[in-house]
């Protein structure tokens, strides 16, 4: 259970690149919880899930060891397999 201490947000490499705090670990966990409880998520909320680098920096700082990367992996697999609902499919493009 998240303590809302914010330690994870201090080390998240993507939080400062997103338009709001939903692009940090706590925001992603809120979206994941909503989806896993049967709710829907907006395209932007899904984009926050897919913007996670899965680096586990947040988990290393978490006093209760929440593995955000593992939760994001599960949500991504469930969503891409059609097990979760969202407004649209999210395209991930890798620039090379």
Foldseek 3Di string as FASTA:
>chain_A
DAPPPCQQVVPFPCCVVDPHNLLTLVVLVVLLVQFVVQHEEEPVNLVSLVVRPQPCPSQVRGPVRDRSSVSSVVSVVCVVVPNTHYPDDDDDDDDD
